[in-house]
N, C-alpha and C. Protein backbone atom coordinates (compact mmCIF):
# COMPACT_ATOMS: atom_id res chain seq x y z
N UNK A 1 -96.69 -73.08 71.30
CA UNK A 1 -96.42 -74.10 70.97
C UNK A 1 -94.78 -73.97 70.09
N UNK A 2 -93.67 -74.70 70.46
CA UNK A 2 -92.68 -74.43 69.74
C UNK A 2 -92.25 -75.43 68.64
N UNK A 3 -91.66 -74.94 67.72
CA UNK A 3 -91.45 -75.51 66.40
C UNK A 3 -89.79 -75.25 65.81
N UNK A 4 -89.57 -76.14 65.09
CA UNK A 4 -87.86 -75.88 64.79
C UNK A 4 -88.14 -75.20 63.35
N UNK A 5 -87.27 -74.15 63.53
CA UNK A 5 -87.33 -73.10 62.40
C UNK A 5 -86.34 -73.71 61.20
N UNK A 6 -86.88 -73.95 60.18
CA UNK A 6 -86.07 -74.43 59.10
C UNK A 6 -85.05 -73.70 58.40
N UNK A 7 -84.87 -72.38 58.89
CA UNK A 7 -83.85 -71.49 58.34
C UNK A 7 -82.53 -71.54 59.18
N UNK A 8 -82.76 -71.28 60.44
CA UNK A 8 -81.59 -71.28 61.43
C UNK A 8 -81.63 -72.22 62.37
N UNK A 9 -82.35 -73.38 62.20
CA UNK A 9 -82.40 -74.40 63.26
C UNK A 9 -82.79 -74.16 64.78
N UNK A 10 -83.11 -72.52 64.69
CA UNK A 10 -83.38 -72.09 66.33
C UNK A 10 -84.85 -72.90 66.70
N UNK A 11 -85.36 -72.21 67.66
CA UNK A 11 -86.81 -72.30 68.20
C UNK A 11 -87.67 -71.47 67.50
N UNK A 12 -88.58 -71.81 66.80
CA UNK A 12 -89.83 -70.95 66.17
C UNK A 12 -91.00 -71.17 67.08
N UNK A 13 -91.93 -70.10 66.92
CA UNK A 13 -93.19 -70.30 67.88
C UNK A 13 -94.48 -70.40 66.53
N UNK A 14 -95.35 -71.64 67.06
CA UNK A 14 -96.71 -71.56 66.27
C UNK A 14 -97.33 -71.08 66.99
N UNK A 15 -98.52 -70.27 66.51
CA UNK A 15 -99.21 -69.31 67.19
C UNK A 15 -100.62 -70.03 67.80
N UNK A 16 -101.28 -69.55 68.52
CA UNK A 16 -102.20 -70.22 69.22
C UNK A 16 -103.26 -71.13 68.46
N UNK A 17 -103.53 -70.32 67.09
CA UNK A 17 -104.51 -70.55 66.26
C UNK A 17 -104.02 -71.74 65.24
N UNK A 18 -102.77 -72.02 65.52
CA UNK A 18 -102.23 -73.07 64.57
C UNK A 18 -102.09 -72.62 63.24
N UNK A 19 -101.99 -71.24 62.83
CA UNK A 19 -102.11 -70.84 61.71
C UNK A 19 -100.83 -70.29 61.21
N UNK A 20 -99.85 -70.04 61.92
CA UNK A 20 -98.26 -69.70 61.44
C UNK A 20 -97.54 -69.79 62.40
N UNK A 21 -96.15 -69.87 61.69
CA UNK A 21 -94.96 -70.18 62.46
C UNK A 21 -94.01 -69.10 62.35
N UNK A 22 -93.43 -68.34 63.36
CA UNK A 22 -92.65 -67.30 63.05
C UNK A 22 -91.28 -67.81 64.05
N UNK A 23 -90.05 -67.28 63.53
CA UNK A 23 -89.02 -67.28 64.26
C UNK A 23 -88.65 -66.12 64.47
N UNK A 24 -87.99 -65.89 65.71
CA UNK A 24 -88.11 -64.32 66.20
C UNK A 24 -86.59 -64.29 66.13
N UNK A 25 -85.61 -65.22 65.89
CA UNK A 25 -84.20 -65.39 65.81
C UNK A 25 -83.60 -64.79 64.45
N UNK A 26 -84.28 -65.36 63.34
CA UNK A 26 -83.97 -64.84 61.82
C UNK A 26 -85.22 -64.29 61.12
N UNK A 27 -86.21 -64.04 61.61
CA UNK A 27 -87.47 -63.64 61.01
C UNK A 27 -88.35 -64.30 59.98
N UNK A 28 -87.93 -65.66 59.81
CA UNK A 28 -88.74 -66.77 59.27
C UNK A 28 -89.95 -66.65 59.71
N UNK A 29 -90.89 -66.45 58.70
CA UNK A 29 -92.58 -66.37 58.95
C UNK A 29 -93.03 -67.53 57.78
N UNK A 30 -94.00 -68.28 58.12
CA UNK A 30 -94.57 -69.20 56.96
C UNK A 30 -96.10 -69.42 57.75
N UNK A 31 -97.10 -69.78 56.62
CA UNK A 31 -98.37 -70.15 57.28
C UNK A 31 -97.93 -71.57 57.52
N UNK A 32 -99.13 -72.25 58.30
CA UNK A 32 -98.57 -73.64 59.07
C UNK A 32 -98.41 -74.68 57.85
N UNK A 33 -99.53 -74.47 56.81
CA UNK A 33 -99.60 -75.75 55.77
C UNK A 33 -98.14 -75.30 55.16
N UNK A 34 -97.84 -74.14 54.88
CA UNK A 34 -96.36 -74.06 54.00
C UNK A 34 -95.26 -74.51 54.92
N UNK A 35 -95.34 -74.58 56.24
CA UNK A 35 -94.11 -74.90 57.00
C UNK A 35 -94.21 -76.36 57.03
N UNK A 36 -95.25 -77.20 56.99
CA UNK A 36 -95.23 -78.22 56.93
C UNK A 36 -94.60 -79.11 55.59
N UNK A 37 -94.92 -78.33 54.83
CA UNK A 37 -94.43 -78.64 53.35
C UNK A 37 -92.99 -78.60 53.60
N UNK A 38 -92.36 -77.57 53.85
CA UNK A 38 -91.07 -77.07 54.13
C UNK A 38 -90.34 -78.36 54.80
N UNK A 39 -91.00 -78.62 56.03
CA UNK A 39 -90.23 -79.63 56.74
C UNK A 39 -90.31 -80.95 56.31
N UNK A 40 -91.43 -81.51 55.49
CA UNK A 40 -91.50 -82.39 54.95
C UNK A 40 -90.38 -82.67 53.76
N UNK A 41 -90.01 -81.92 52.94
CA UNK A 41 -89.28 -81.59 52.04
C UNK A 41 -87.77 -81.87 52.63
N UNK A 42 -87.49 -81.24 53.67
CA UNK A 42 -86.29 -81.24 54.32
C UNK A 42 -86.06 -82.69 55.07
N UNK A 43 -87.04 -83.31 55.51
CA UNK A 43 -86.87 -84.86 56.01
C UNK A 43 -86.75 -85.62 54.78
N UNK A 44 -87.43 -85.47 53.76
CA UNK A 44 -87.09 -86.40 52.38
C UNK A 44 -85.52 -86.18 51.86
N UNK A 45 -85.28 -85.12 52.03
CA UNK A 45 -83.86 -84.71 51.63
C UNK A 45 -82.85 -85.55 52.66
N UNK A 46 -83.17 -85.35 54.12
CA UNK A 46 -82.23 -86.12 54.84
C UNK A 46 -82.33 -87.39 54.72
N UNK A 47 -83.54 -87.97 54.41
CA UNK A 47 -83.64 -89.56 54.44
C UNK A 47 -82.79 -89.72 53.07
N UNK A 48 -82.68 -89.38 51.85
CA UNK A 48 -82.43 -89.43 50.79
C UNK A 48 -80.56 -89.46 51.01
N UNK A 49 -80.16 -88.67 51.82
CA UNK A 49 -78.77 -88.69 52.01
C UNK A 49 -78.42 -89.84 52.78
N UNK A 50 -79.16 -90.52 53.62
CA UNK A 50 -78.60 -91.81 54.24
C UNK A 50 -78.84 -93.05 53.50
N UNK A 51 -79.56 -92.99 52.21
CA UNK A 51 -79.69 -94.01 51.63
C UNK A 51 -78.13 -94.76 50.91
N UNK A 52 -77.71 -95.71 51.11
CA UNK A 52 -76.18 -95.94 50.85
C UNK A 52 -76.42 -96.61 49.19
N UNK A 53 -75.20 -96.09 48.45
CA UNK A 53 -75.30 -96.47 47.13
C UNK A 53 -74.67 -97.92 47.26
N UNK A 54 -75.61 -98.73 46.70
CA UNK A 54 -75.11 -100.31 46.38
C UNK A 54 -75.30 -100.43 44.99
N UNK A 55 -74.23 -101.03 44.30
CA UNK A 55 -74.54 -101.34 42.87
C UNK A 55 -75.63 -102.54 42.77
N UNK A 56 -76.33 -102.29 41.53
CA UNK A 56 -77.48 -103.33 41.34
C UNK A 56 -78.75 -103.01 41.85
N UNK A 57 -78.80 -101.99 42.52
CA UNK A 57 -80.23 -101.36 43.01
C UNK A 57 -80.57 -100.16 42.29
């Protein structure tokens, strides 16, 4: 199964046992649980960038 690499934004590979994500482009390698935490943090950071600054909030 394919996954998005958090390092190079290329296509990484999730192994058949769903235990490890490996990117053959940049060499990124992480356990699946760690990969989910990395991607969750990236999504939260992206969301924070789109919250407009409004006075009084």
